[in-house]
Amino acid sequence: MRELVRPTRLAPGARVAVVARSGPVPEERLQAGLDVLRGWGLDPVAAPHVLDRHREFPYLAGTDADRAADFQRAWCDPAVDAVLCARGGYGVQRMIDLLDWEAMRAAGPKVFVGFSDITVLHEAFATRLGLATLHGPMAAGIDFIKNERAQAHLRSTLFEPEAVRTVASGGTALVPGRARGVTLGGCLSLLAAERGAPHARPSASGGLLCLEDVGEQTYRLDRYLTQLLRAGWLDGVRGVLLGSWAECDPYERVRPMLADRLGPLAVPVAEEFGFGHCEGALTIPFGVAAELDAGAGTLTLDEPALR
């Protein structure tokens, strides 16, 4: 697994596009998120269809075509320096093949931020554009709007990434040890759902795999991990970072299953790493070379997440 191209860090005055890729976005939360970005000295612009709601499917933020067009327009606009997702939910898989990836490649690297359903886009940016991305809080998310730790860590990553080259989780080791690799991952259920999809990453070999999920029963998490194991997708993985399991079964039930499925990989596994659907979520760069120290609960990047 190779390192990916790192976009340029942001500076005051940078234009940031906020797009809805998945579920519908509450207007009051969007406005609050835009205010946070303005407070950082950025120039945020909301995509034309960011507040749309699909007439037939209320779990979607407008039509697939409109969501794809918003994203394409924002990414290919030379005045836009970064694209931030408004929220997750569901819907990226429905629109991702409507994007013109050749045009997006020609537009050059930009900062991209999101998580949850946005896992599908993180994977696509890695495989189709060779671009590093940020797994972090979204502009209309409660964590982004109200949590000081989440805000501070994302802001530092965007503006002064050398200050957060070591991500310290405060977590513990499910399997102790150190490992080096290139970061990747996201929402476990989405990574499993991508198996067999066009342009899907063939393997996590050589990677430091970040996993988290929300609202899943333990047997379903077991199923997703078992699918990845049976598909050989985890063969050669160097280490695993486990984030949050919000609204899943109690962690004392989830933890033994994680140990059972991941332990035989015989690689370091860090748990409770503080990214994903948790309060105060940390921003994790994907596509960068790093060292995981599971015992210390740290991820140290070889270089800052952004240039």
C-alpha atoms as a PDB file:
ATOM      1  CA  MET A   1       0.000   0.000   0.000  1.00  0.00           C
ATOM      2  CA  ARG A   2       1.435   3.348  -1.025  1.00  0.00           C
ATOM      3  CA  GLU A   3       1.170   6.793   0.475  1.00  0.00           C
ATOM      4  CA  LEU A   4      -1.282   9.102  -1.274  1.00  0.00           C
ATOM      5  CA  VAL A   5      -0.985  12.719  -2.438  1.00  0.00           C
ATOM      6  CA  ARG A   6      -1.508  15.139   0.452  1.00  0.00           C
ATOM      7  CA  PRO A   7      -3.544  18.272  -0.324  1.00  0.00           C
ATOM      8  CA  THR A   8      -2.392  21.740   0.700  1.00  0.00           C
ATOM      9  CA  ARG A   9      -3.376  23.001   4.155  1.00  0.00           C
ATOM     10  CA  LEU A  10      -5.934  25.781   4.494  1.00  0.00           C
ATOM     11  CA  ALA A  11      -5.209  29.411   5.248  1.00  0.00           C
ATOM     12  CA  PRO A  12      -7.521  32.198   6.445  1.00  0.00           C
ATOM     13  CA  GLY A  13      -9.825  33.256   3.645  1.00  0.00           C
ATOM     14  CA  ALA A  14      -9.873  29.830   1.986  1.00  0.00           C
ATOM     15  CA  ARG A  15     -13.171  28.949   0.344  1.00  0.00           C
ATOM     16  CA  VAL A  16     -14.814  25.805   1.690  1.00  0.00           C
ATOM     17  CA  ALA A  17     -17.791  24.138   0.001  1.00  0.00           C
ATOM     18  CA  VAL A  18     -20.294  22.288   2.210  1.00  0.00           C
ATOM     19  CA  VAL A  19     -22.163  19.521   0.401  1.00  0.00           C
ATOM     20  CA  ALA A  20     -24.861  16.970   1.300  1.00  0.00           C
ATOM     21  CA  ARG A  21     -23.774  13.549   0.062  1.00  0.00           C
ATOM     22  CA  SER A  22     -26.143  11.315   1.996  1.00  0.00           C
ATOM     23  CA  GLY A  23     -29.022  12.112   4.371  1.00  0.00           C
ATOM     24  CA  PRO A  24     -31.079  15.314   4.699  1.00  0.00           C
ATOM     25  CA  VAL A  25     -29.488  18.221   6.549  1.00  0.00           C
ATOM     26  CA  PRO A  26     -31.331  20.250   9.243  1.00  0.00           C
ATOM     27  CA  GLU A  27     -31.093  23.920   8.256  1.00  0.00           C
ATOM     28  CA  GLU A  28     -30.378  25.199  11.768  1.00  0.00           C
ATOM     29  CA  ARG A  29     -27.437  22.820  12.128  1.00  0.00           C
ATOM     30  CA  LEU A  30     -26.083  23.763   8.717  1.00  0.00           C
ATOM     31  CA  GLN A  31     -26.186  27.457   9.611  1.00  0.00           C
ATOM     32  CA  ALA A  32     -24.480  26.772  12.938  1.00  0.00           C
ATOM     33  CA  GLY A  33     -21.738  24.831  11.142  1.00  0.00           C
ATOM     34  CA  LEU A  34     -21.229  27.611   8.613  1.00  0.00           C
ATOM     35  CA  ASP A  35     -20.879  30.046  11.510  1.00  0.00           C
ATOM     36  CA  VAL A  36     -18.139  27.865  13.035  1.00  0.00           C
ATOM     37  CA  LEU A  37     -16.253  27.884   9.731  1.00  0.00           C
ATOM     38  CA  ARG A  38     -16.591  31.665   9.454  1.00  0.00           C
ATOM     39  CA  GLY A  39     -15.229  31.927  12.978  1.00  0.00           C
ATOM     40  CA  TRP A  40     -12.140  30.061  11.759  1.00  0.00           C
ATOM     41  CA  GLY A  41     -11.585  32.764   9.137  1.00  0.00           C
ATOM     42  CA  LEU A  42     -12.803  30.587   6.265  1.00  0.00           C
ATOM     43  CA  ASP A  43     -15.233  31.501   3.481  1.00  0.00           C
ATOM     44  CA  PRO A  44     -17.869  28.739   3.548  1.00  0.00           C
ATOM     45  CA  VAL A  45     -20.380  28.279   0.736  1.00  0.00           C
ATOM     46  CA  ALA A  46     -23.323  25.873   0.858  1.00  0.00           C
ATOM     47  CA  ALA A  47     -23.980  23.785  -2.246  1.00  0.00           C
ATOM     48  CA  PRO A  48     -27.252  24.599  -4.090  1.00  0.00           C
ATOM     49  CA  HIS A  49     -29.012  21.357  -3.092  1.00  0.00           C
ATOM     50  CA  VAL A  50     -27.570  20.986   0.418  1.00  0.00           C
ATOM     51  CA  LEU A  51     -30.992  21.408   2.083  1.00  0.00           C
ATOM     52  CA  ASP A  52     -32.965  19.292  -0.409  1.00  0.00           C
ATOM     53  CA  ARG A  53     -35.071  16.320   0.646  1.00  0.00           C
ATOM     54  CA  HIS A  54     -36.010  13.492  -1.665  1.00  0.00           C
ATOM     55  CA  ARG A  55     -39.748  13.455  -2.378  1.00  0.00           C
ATOM     56  CA  GLU A  56     -40.083   9.674  -2.209  1.00  0.00           C
ATOM     57  CA  PHE A  57     -37.180   8.564  -0.015  1.00  0.00           C
ATOM     58  CA  PRO A  58     -36.945  10.786   3.079  1.00  0.00           C
ATOM     59  CA  TYR A  59     -33.586   9.305   4.089  1.00  0.00           C
ATOM     60  CA  LEU A  60     -31.914  11.031   1.114  1.00  0.00           C
ATOM     61  CA  ALA A  61     -30.858  14.675   0.757  1.00  0.00           C
ATOM     62  CA  GLY A  62     -32.459  15.187  -2.652  1.00  0.00           C
ATOM     63  CA  THR A  63     -31.974  13.181  -5.816  1.00  0.00           C
ATOM     64  CA  ASP A  64     -28.862  11.197  -6.611  1.00  0.00           C
ATOM     65  CA  ALA A  65     -28.231  13.369  -9.674  1.00  0.00           C
ATOM     66  CA  ASP A  66     -28.457  16.632  -7.710  1.00  0.00           C
ATOM     67  CA  ARG A  67     -26.203  15.387  -4.916  1.00  0.00           C
ATOM     68  CA  ALA A  68     -23.643  14.226  -7.467  1.00  0.00           C
ATOM     69  CA  ALA A  69     -23.851  17.500  -9.395  1.00  0.00           C
ATOM     70  CA  ASP A  70     -23.298  19.528  -6.213  1.00  0.00           C
ATOM     71  CA  PHE A  71     -20.240  17.507  -5.346  1.00  0.00           C
ATOM     72  CA  GLN A  72     -18.832  17.610  -8.875  1.00  0.00           C
ATOM     73  CA  ARG A  73     -19.359  21.365  -9.140  1.00  0.00           C
ATOM     74  CA  ALA A  74     -17.712  22.053  -5.799  1.00  0.00           C
ATOM     75  CA  TRP A  75     -14.711  19.820  -6.462  1.00  0.00           C
ATOM     76  CA  CYS A  76     -14.070  21.187  -9.961  1.00  0.00           C
ATOM     77  CA  ASP A  77     -14.484  24.846  -8.962  1.00  0.00           C
ATOM     78  CA  PRO A  78     -10.957  26.327  -8.947  1.00  0.00           C
ATOM     79  CA  ALA A  79     -12.027  28.860  -6.305  1.00  0.00           C
ATOM     80  CA  VAL A  80     -12.843  26.072  -3.796  1.00  0.00           C
ATOM     81  CA  ASP A  81      -9.972  24.901  -1.579  1.00  0.00           C
ATOM     82  CA  ALA A  82     -11.791  22.230   0.446  1.00  0.00           C
ATOM     83  CA  VAL A  83     -14.990  20.206   0.377  1.00  0.00           C
ATOM     84  CA  LEU A  84     -16.648  19.333   3.680  1.00  0.00           C
ATOM     85  CA  CYS A  85     -19.576  16.969   3.966  1.00  0.00           C
ATOM     86  CA  ALA A  86     -22.591  18.273   5.866  1.00  0.00           C
ATOM     87  CA  ARG A  87     -23.587  14.938   7.408  1.00  0.00           C
ATOM     88  CA  GLY A  88     -23.668  11.183   6.852  1.00  0.00           C
ATOM     89  CA  GLY A  89     -26.656   8.852   6.882  1.00  0.00           C
ATOM     90  CA  TYR A  90     -27.038   6.901   3.657  1.00  0.00           C
ATOM     91  CA  GLY A  91     -26.784   7.721  -0.028  1.00  0.00           C
ATOM     92  CA  VAL A  92     -23.172   7.938  -1.225  1.00  0.00           C
ATOM     93  CA  GLN A  93     -23.310   4.514  -2.892  1.00  0.00           C
ATOM     94  CA  ARG A  94     -26.279   5.693  -4.944  1.00  0.00           C
ATOM     95  CA  MET A  95     -24.475   8.727  -6.402  1.00  0.00           C
ATOM     96  CA  ILE A  96     -20.783   7.844  -6.526  1.00  0.00           C
ATOM     97  CA  ASP A  97     -20.886   6.315 -10.016  1.00  0.00           C
ATOM     98  CA  LEU A  98     -22.539   9.468 -11.370  1.00  0.00           C
ATOM     99  CA  LEU A  99     -19.357  11.475 -10.740  1.00  0.00           C
ATOM    100  CA  ASP A 100     -16.944  12.322 -13.548  1.00  0.00           C
ATOM    101  CA  TRP A 101     -13.738  11.052 -11.977  1.00  0.00           C
ATOM    102  CA  GLU A 102     -11.551  12.174 -14.879  1.00  0.00           C
ATOM    103  CA  ALA A 103     -12.768  15.755 -14.453  1.00  0.00           C
ATOM    104  CA  MET A 104     -12.220  15.529 -10.696  1.00  0.00           C
ATOM    105  CA  ARG A 105      -8.683  14.246 -11.232  1.00  0.00           C
ATOM    106  CA  ALA A 106      -8.003  17.163 -13.577  1.00  0.00           C
ATOM    107  CA  ALA A 107      -9.223  19.594 -10.910  1.00  0.00           C
ATOM    108  CA  GLY A 108      -6.275  18.614  -8.726  1.00  0.00           C
ATOM    109  CA  PRO A 109      -5.995  17.739  -5.032  1.00  0.00           C
ATOM    110  CA  LYS A 110      -8.154  19.464  -2.419  1.00  0.00           C
ATOM    111  CA  VAL A 111      -8.954  18.900   1.221  1.00  0.00           C
ATOM    112  CA  PHE A 112     -11.866  16.511   1.785  1.00  0.00           C
ATOM    113  CA  VAL A 113     -13.498  15.869   5.187  1.00  0.00           C
ATOM    114  CA  GLY A 114     -16.249  13.498   6.317  1.00  0.00           C
ATOM    115  CA  PHE A 115     -16.987  10.148   7.979  1.00  0.00           C
ATOM    116  CA  SER A 116     -19.681   7.482   8.406  1.00  0.00           C
ATOM    117  CA  ASP A 117     -21.442   6.965   5.027  1.00  0.00           C
ATOM    118  CA  ILE A 118     -18.642   9.098   3.561  1.00  0.00           C
ATOM    119  CA  THR A 119     -16.371   6.046   3.973  1.00  0.00           C
ATOM    120  CA  VAL A 120     -17.338   5.146   0.404  1.00  0.00           C
ATOM    121  CA  LEU A 121     -15.906   8.448  -0.851  1.00  0.00           C
ATOM    122  CA  HIS A 122     -12.728   8.060   1.216  1.00  0.00           C
ATOM    123  CA  GLU A 123     -12.162   4.729  -0.510  1.00  0.00           C
ATOM    124  CA  ALA A 124     -12.952   6.164  -3.945  1.00  0.00           C
ATOM    125  CA  PHE A 125     -10.597   9.105  -3.470  1.00  0.00           C
ATOM    126  CA  ALA A 126      -7.841   6.646  -2.557  1.00  0.00           C
ATOM    127  CA  THR A 127      -8.379   4.226  -5.445  1.00  0.00           C
ATOM    128  CA  ARG A 128      -9.496   6.603  -8.211  1.00  0.00           C
ATOM    129  CA  LEU A 129      -7.590   9.804  -7.411  1.00  0.00           C
ATOM    130  CA  GLY A 130      -4.721   8.625  -5.211  1.00  0.00           C
ATOM    131  CA  LEU A 131      -5.618  11.406  -2.775  1.00  0.00           C
ATOM    132  CA  ALA A 132      -5.257  11.510   1.007  1.00  0.00           C
ATOM    133  CA  THR A 133      -8.405  12.545   2.893  1.00  0.00           C
ATOM    134  CA  LEU A 134      -9.523  13.423   6.428  1.00  0.00           C
ATOM    135  CA  HIS A 135     -11.866  11.196   8.455  1.00  0.00           C
ATOM    136  CA  GLY A 136     -13.339  13.864  10.692  1.00  0.00           C
ATOM    137  CA  PRO A 137     -16.388  15.775  11.953  1.00  0.00           C
ATOM    138  CA  MET A 138     -18.905  17.073   9.418  1.00  0.00           C
ATOM    139  CA  ALA A 139     -20.120  20.645   9.104  1.00  0.00           C
ATOM    140  CA  ALA A 140     -23.707  20.082  10.242  1.00  0.00           C
ATOM    141  CA  GLY A 141     -22.859  17.470  12.869  1.00  0.00           C
ATOM    142  CA  ILE A 142     -23.521  18.022  16.559  1.00  0.00           C
ATOM    143  CA  ASP A 143     -19.901  17.201  17.381  1.00  0.00           C
ATOM    144  CA  PHE A 144     -18.634  19.779  14.886  1.00  0.00           C
ATOM    145  CA  ILE A 145     -20.975  22.459  16.180  1.00  0.00           C
ATOM    146  CA  LYS A 146     -20.752  21.954  19.936  1.00  0.00           C
ATOM    147  CA  ASN A 147     -17.712  19.900  20.937  1.00  0.00           C
ATOM    148  CA  GLU A 148     -14.544  21.848  21.669  1.00  0.00           C
ATOM    149  CA  ARG A 149     -12.161  18.874  21.327  1.00  0.00           C
ATOM    150  CA  ALA A 150     -13.578  17.842  17.953  1.00  0.00           C
ATOM    151  CA  GLN A 151     -13.436  21.415  16.688  1.00  0.00           C
ATOM    152  CA  ALA A 152      -9.896  22.051  17.947  1.00  0.00           C
ATOM    153  CA  HIS A 153      -8.430  18.858  16.505  1.00  0.00           C
ATOM    154  CA  LEU A 154     -10.001  19.351  13.076  1.00  0.00           C
ATOM    155  CA  ARG A 155      -9.025  23.022  13.011  1.00  0.00           C
ATOM    156  CA  SER A 156      -5.405  22.198  13.850  1.00  0.00           C
ATOM    157  CA  THR A 157      -5.351  19.493  11.181  1.00  0.00           C
ATOM    158  CA  LEU A 158      -6.630  21.951   8.581  1.00  0.00           C
ATOM    159  CA  PHE A 159      -4.457  24.960   9.449  1.00  0.00           C
ATOM    160  CA  GLU A 160      -1.355  23.686  11.265  1.00  0.00           C
ATOM    161  CA  PRO A 161      -1.180  19.923  10.675  1.00  0.00           C
ATOM    162  CA  GLU A 162       2.372  19.652  12.020  1.00  0.00           C
ATOM    163  CA  ALA A 163       0.899  20.386  15.480  1.00  0.00           C
ATOM    164  CA  VAL A 164      -1.131  17.146  15.406  1.00  0.00           C
ATOM    165  CA  ARG A 165       1.317  14.717  13.804  1.00  0.00           C
ATOM    166  CA  THR A 166       0.819  12.479  16.828  1.00  0.00           C
ATOM    167  CA  VAL A 167      -2.802  11.572  17.467  1.00  0.00           C
ATOM    168  CA  ALA A 168      -3.086  10.562  21.135  1.00  0.00           C
ATOM    169  CA  SER A 169      -6.283   8.691  21.881  1.00  0.00           C
ATOM    170  CA  GLY A 170      -5.944   7.853  25.562  1.00  0.00           C
ATOM    171  CA  GLY A 171      -7.190   4.376  24.675  1.00  0.00           C
ATOM    172  CA  THR A 172      -5.764   0.950  25.459  1.00  0.00           C
ATOM    173  CA  ALA A 173      -4.407  -2.051  23.549  1.00  0.00           C
ATOM    174  CA  LEU A 174      -6.680  -4.937  22.630  1.00  0.00           C
ATOM    175  CA  VAL A 175      -3.514  -6.524  21.201  1.00  0.00           C
ATOM    176  CA  PRO A 176      -0.290  -4.738  22.226  1.00  0.00           C
ATOM    177  CA  GLY A 177       2.561  -3.848  19.900  1.00  0.00           C
ATOM    178  CA  ARG A 178       3.768  -1.370  17.310  1.00  0.00           C
ATOM    179  CA  ALA A 179       3.199  -1.362  13.573  1.00  0.00           C
ATOM    180  CA  ARG A 180       3.910   0.820  10.561  1.00  0.00           C
ATOM    181  CA  GLY A 181       1.654   1.247   7.539  1.00  0.00           C
ATOM    182  CA  VAL A 182      -0.584   3.578   5.552  1.00  0.00           C
ATOM    183  CA  THR A 183      -3.850   4.646   7.172  1.00  0.00           C
ATOM    184  CA  LEU A 184      -7.234   3.731   5.709  1.00  0.00           C
ATOM    185  CA  GLY A 185     -10.687   2.669   6.816  1.00  0.00           C
ATOM    186  CA  GLY A 186     -13.874   4.163   8.188  1.00  0.00           C
ATOM    187  CA  CYS A 187     -17.266   2.679   8.906  1.00  0.00           C
ATOM    188  CA  LEU A 188     -17.039  -1.125   9.114  1.00  0.00           C
ATOM    189  CA  SER A 189     -20.425  -1.829   7.516  1.00  0.00           C
ATOM    190  CA  LEU A 190     -19.584   0.385   4.514  1.00  0.00           C
ATOM    191  CA  LEU A 191     -16.190  -1.238   4.025  1.00  0.00           C
ATOM    192  CA  ALA A 192     -17.916  -4.619   3.949  1.00  0.00           C
ATOM    193  CA  ALA A 193     -20.610  -3.319   1.582  1.00  0.00           C
ATOM    194  CA  GLU A 194     -17.950  -2.156  -0.896  1.00  0.00           C
ATOM    195  CA  ARG A 195     -16.677  -5.685  -1.541  1.00  0.00           C
ATOM    196  CA  GLY A 196     -17.333  -6.442  -5.204  1.00  0.00           C
ATOM    197  CA  ALA A 197     -18.161  -2.847  -6.115  1.00  0.00           C
ATOM    198  CA  PRO A 198     -16.453  -1.227  -9.121  1.00  0.00           C
ATOM    199  CA  HIS A 199     -13.023   0.252  -8.317  1.00  0.00           C
ATOM    200  CA  ALA A 200     -13.144  -1.073  -4.735  1.00  0.00           C
ATOM    201  CA  ARG A 201      -9.801  -1.382  -2.960  1.00  0.00           C
ATOM    202  CA  PRO A 202      -8.696  -5.005  -3.425  1.00  0.00           C
ATOM    203  CA  SER A 203      -7.010  -5.374  -0.037  1.00  0.00           C
ATOM    204  CA  ALA A 204      -6.023  -3.608   3.179  1.00  0.00           C
ATOM    205  CA  SER A 205      -2.565  -5.208   2.966  1.00  0.00           C
ATOM    206  CA  GLY A 206       0.144  -2.885   4.252  1.00  0.00           C
ATOM    207  CA  GLY A 207      -2.371  -0.673   5.991  1.00  0.00           C
ATOM    208  CA  LEU A 208      -3.202   0.607   9.443  1.00  0.00           C
ATOM    209  CA  LEU A 209      -6.928  -0.050   9.338  1.00  0.00           C
ATOM    210  CA  CYS A 210      -9.289   2.291  11.228  1.00  0.00           C
ATOM    211  CA  LEU A 211     -12.680   0.760  12.072  1.00  0.00           C
ATOM    212  CA  GLU A 212     -15.816   2.105  13.767  1.00  0.00           C
ATOM    213  CA  ASP A 213     -19.593   1.892  13.348  1.00  0.00           C
ATOM    214  CA  VAL A 214     -22.902   3.058  14.758  1.00  0.00           C
ATOM    215  CA  GLY A 215     -26.217   1.443  15.656  1.00  0.00           C
ATOM    216  CA  GLU A 216     -25.201  -2.163  14.941  1.00  0.00           C
ATOM    217  CA  GLN A 217     -25.825  -5.273  17.016  1.00  0.00           C
ATOM    218  CA  THR A 218     -22.797  -7.397  17.845  1.00  0.00           C
ATOM    219  CA  TYR A 219     -23.736 -10.237  15.503  1.00  0.00           C
ATOM    220  CA  ARG A 220     -23.906  -7.785  12.592  1.00  0.00           C
ATOM    221  CA  LEU A 221     -20.468  -6.374  13.410  1.00  0.00           C
ATOM    222  CA  ASP A 222     -19.270  -9.975  13.566  1.00  0.00           C
ATOM    223  CA  ARG A 223     -20.787 -10.584  10.127  1.00  0.00           C
ATOM    224  CA  TYR A 224     -19.030  -7.577   8.565  1.00  0.00           C
ATOM    225  CA  LEU A 225     -15.647  -8.546  10.004  1.00  0.00           C
ATOM    226  CA  THR A 226     -16.120 -12.178   9.031  1.00  0.00           C
ATOM    227  CA  GLN A 227     -16.994 -11.143   5.483  1.00  0.00           C
ATOM    228  CA  LEU A 228     -13.769  -9.114   5.238  1.00  0.00           C
ATOM    229  CA  LEU A 229     -11.785 -12.005   6.688  1.00  0.00           C
ATOM    230  CA  ARG A 230     -13.314 -14.612   4.366  1.00  0.00           C
ATOM    231  CA  ALA A 231     -12.745 -12.330   1.364  1.00  0.00           C
ATOM    232  CA  GLY A 232      -9.057 -12.101   2.279  1.00  0.00           C
ATOM    233  CA  TRP A 233      -9.378  -8.320   2.486  1.00  0.00           C
ATOM    234  CA  LEU A 234      -7.590  -8.197   5.860  1.00  0.00           C
ATOM    235  CA  ASP A 235      -4.658 -10.375   4.751  1.00  0.00           C
ATOM    236  CA  GLY A 236      -1.444  -8.455   5.283  1.00  0.00           C
ATOM    237  CA  VAL A 237      -2.930  -5.638   7.336  1.00  0.00           C
ATOM    238  CA  ARG A 238      -0.236  -4.179   9.617  1.00  0.00           C
ATOM    239  CA  GLY A 239      -2.371  -2.943  12.513  1.00  0.00           C
ATOM    240  CA  VAL A 240      -5.915  -1.969  13.502  1.00  0.00           C
ATOM    241  CA  LEU A 241      -7.311   1.112  15.245  1.00  0.00           C
ATOM    242  CA  LEU A 242     -10.782   0.724  16.761  1.00  0.00           C
ATOM    243  CA  GLY A 243     -12.861   3.869  17.149  1.00  0.00           C
ATOM    244  CA  SER A 244     -16.352   4.279  18.566  1.00  0.00           C
ATOM    245  CA  TRP A 245     -19.257   1.810  18.578  1.00  0.00           C
ATOM    246  CA  ALA A 246     -21.974   4.334  19.384  1.00  0.00           C
ATOM    247  CA  GLU A 247     -25.523   2.986  19.768  1.00  0.00           C
ATOM    248  CA  CYS A 248     -24.207  -0.557  19.320  1.00  0.00           C
ATOM    249  CA  ASP A 249     -24.443  -3.187  22.057  1.00  0.00           C
ATOM    250  CA  PRO A 250     -22.560  -2.343  25.276  1.00  0.00           C
ATOM    251  CA  TYR A 251     -18.818  -2.424  24.650  1.00  0.00           C
ATOM    252  CA  GLU A 252     -18.314  -5.293  27.108  1.00  0.00           C
ATOM    253  CA  ARG A 253     -20.284  -7.394  24.591  1.00  0.00           C
ATOM    254  CA  VAL A 254     -18.654  -5.951  21.464  1.00  0.00           C
ATOM    255  CA  ARG A 255     -15.084  -6.224  22.776  1.00  0.00           C
ATOM    256  CA  PRO A 256     -14.860 -10.058  22.997  1.00  0.00           C
ATOM    257  CA  MET A 257     -16.130 -10.359  19.430  1.00  0.00           C
ATOM    258  CA  LEU A 258     -13.508  -7.867  18.201  1.00  0.00           C
ATOM    259  CA  ALA A 259     -10.798  -9.828  20.014  1.00  0.00           C
ATOM    260  CA  ASP A 260     -12.071 -13.105  18.548  1.00  0.00           C
ATOM    261  CA  ARG A 261     -12.179 -11.823  14.963  1.00  0.00           C
ATOM    262  CA  LEU A 262      -9.082  -9.598  14.973  1.00  0.00           C
ATOM    263  CA  GLY A 263      -6.797 -11.392  17.431  1.00  0.00           C
ATOM    264  CA  PRO A 264      -5.813 -14.177  14.979  1.00  0.00           C
ATOM    265  CA  LEU A 265      -4.408 -11.531  12.616  1.00  0.00           C
ATOM    266  CA  ALA A 266      -1.512 -11.293  15.109  1.00  0.00           C
ATOM    267  CA  VAL A 267      -1.072  -7.551  14.602  1.00  0.00           C
ATOM    268  CA  PRO A 268      -1.328  -4.658  17.095  1.00  0.00           C
ATOM    269  CA  VAL A 269      -4.908  -3.572  17.775  1.00  0.00           C
ATOM    270  CA  ALA A 270      -5.652  -0.297  19.585  1.00  0.00           C
ATOM    271  CA  GLU A 271      -9.126   0.144  21.046  1.00  0.00           C
ATOM    272  CA  GLU A 272     -11.186   3.160  22.143  1.00  0.00           C
ATOM    273  CA  PHE A 273      -9.179   5.379  19.838  1.00  0.00           C
ATOM    274  CA  GLY A 274     -11.672   8.239  19.888  1.00  0.00           C
ATOM    275  CA  PHE A 275     -12.710   8.652  16.244  1.00  0.00           C
ATOM    276  CA  GLY A 276     -16.053   8.123  14.545  1.00  0.00           C
ATOM    277  CA  HIS A 277     -19.535   8.546  16.009  1.00  0.00           C
ATOM    278  CA  CYS A 278     -18.336   9.496  19.478  1.00  0.00           C
ATOM    279  CA  GLU A 279     -18.342  12.768  21.367  1.00  0.00           C
ATOM    280  CA  GLY A 280     -15.176  14.780  20.754  1.00  0.00           C
ATOM    281  CA  ALA A 281     -14.148  12.699  17.750  1.00  0.00           C
ATOM    282  CA  LEU A 282     -10.541  13.037  16.600  1.00  0.00           C
ATOM    283  CA  THR A 283      -9.656  13.683  12.960  1.00  0.00           C
ATOM    284  CA  ILE A 284      -7.707  10.807  11.382  1.00  0.00           C
ATOM    285  CA  PRO A 285      -5.890  11.348   8.056  1.00  0.00           C
ATOM    286  CA  PHE A 286      -6.272   8.523   5.538  1.00  0.00           C
ATOM    287  CA  GLY A 287      -3.588   7.695   2.985  1.00  0.00           C
ATOM    288  CA  VAL A 288      -0.560   8.733   5.052  1.00  0.00           C
ATOM    289  CA  ALA A 289       2.311   6.634   6.390  1.00  0.00           C
ATOM    290  CA  ALA A 290       2.292   6.338  10.175  1.00  0.00           C
ATOM    291  CA  GLU A 291       3.288   4.279  13.189  1.00  0.00           C
ATOM    292  CA  LEU A 292       0.739   2.817  15.578  1.00  0.00           C
ATOM    293  CA  ASP A 293       1.710   2.202  19.194  1.00  0.00           C
ATOM    294  CA  ALA A 294      -1.256   0.232  20.506  1.00  0.00           C
ATOM    295  CA  GLY A 295      -0.006   0.189  24.082  1.00  0.00           C
ATOM    296  CA  ALA A 296       0.451   3.963  24.215  1.00  0.00           C
ATOM    297  CA  GLY A 297      -2.720   4.617  22.216  1.00  0.00           C
ATOM    298  CA  THR A 298      -0.910   6.815  19.690  1.00  0.00           C
ATOM    299  CA  LEU A 299      -0.751   7.174  15.930  1.00  0.00           C
ATOM    300  CA  THR A 300       2.303   9.121  14.752  1.00  0.00           C
ATOM    301  CA  LEU A 301       2.308  10.374  11.162  1.00  0.00           C
ATOM    302  CA  ASP A 302       5.544  10.387   9.188  1.00  0.00           C
ATOM    303  CA  GLU A 303       4.557  13.770   7.764  1.00  0.00           C
ATOM    304  CA  PRO A 304       1.751  16.239   8.519  1.00  0.00           C
ATOM    305  CA  ALA A 305      -1.626  15.272   7.093  1.00  0.00           C
ATOM    306  CA  LEU A 306      -1.618  18.287   4.759  1.00  0.00           C
ATOM    307  CA  ARG A 307       1.272  19.967   2.971  1.00  0.00           C
END
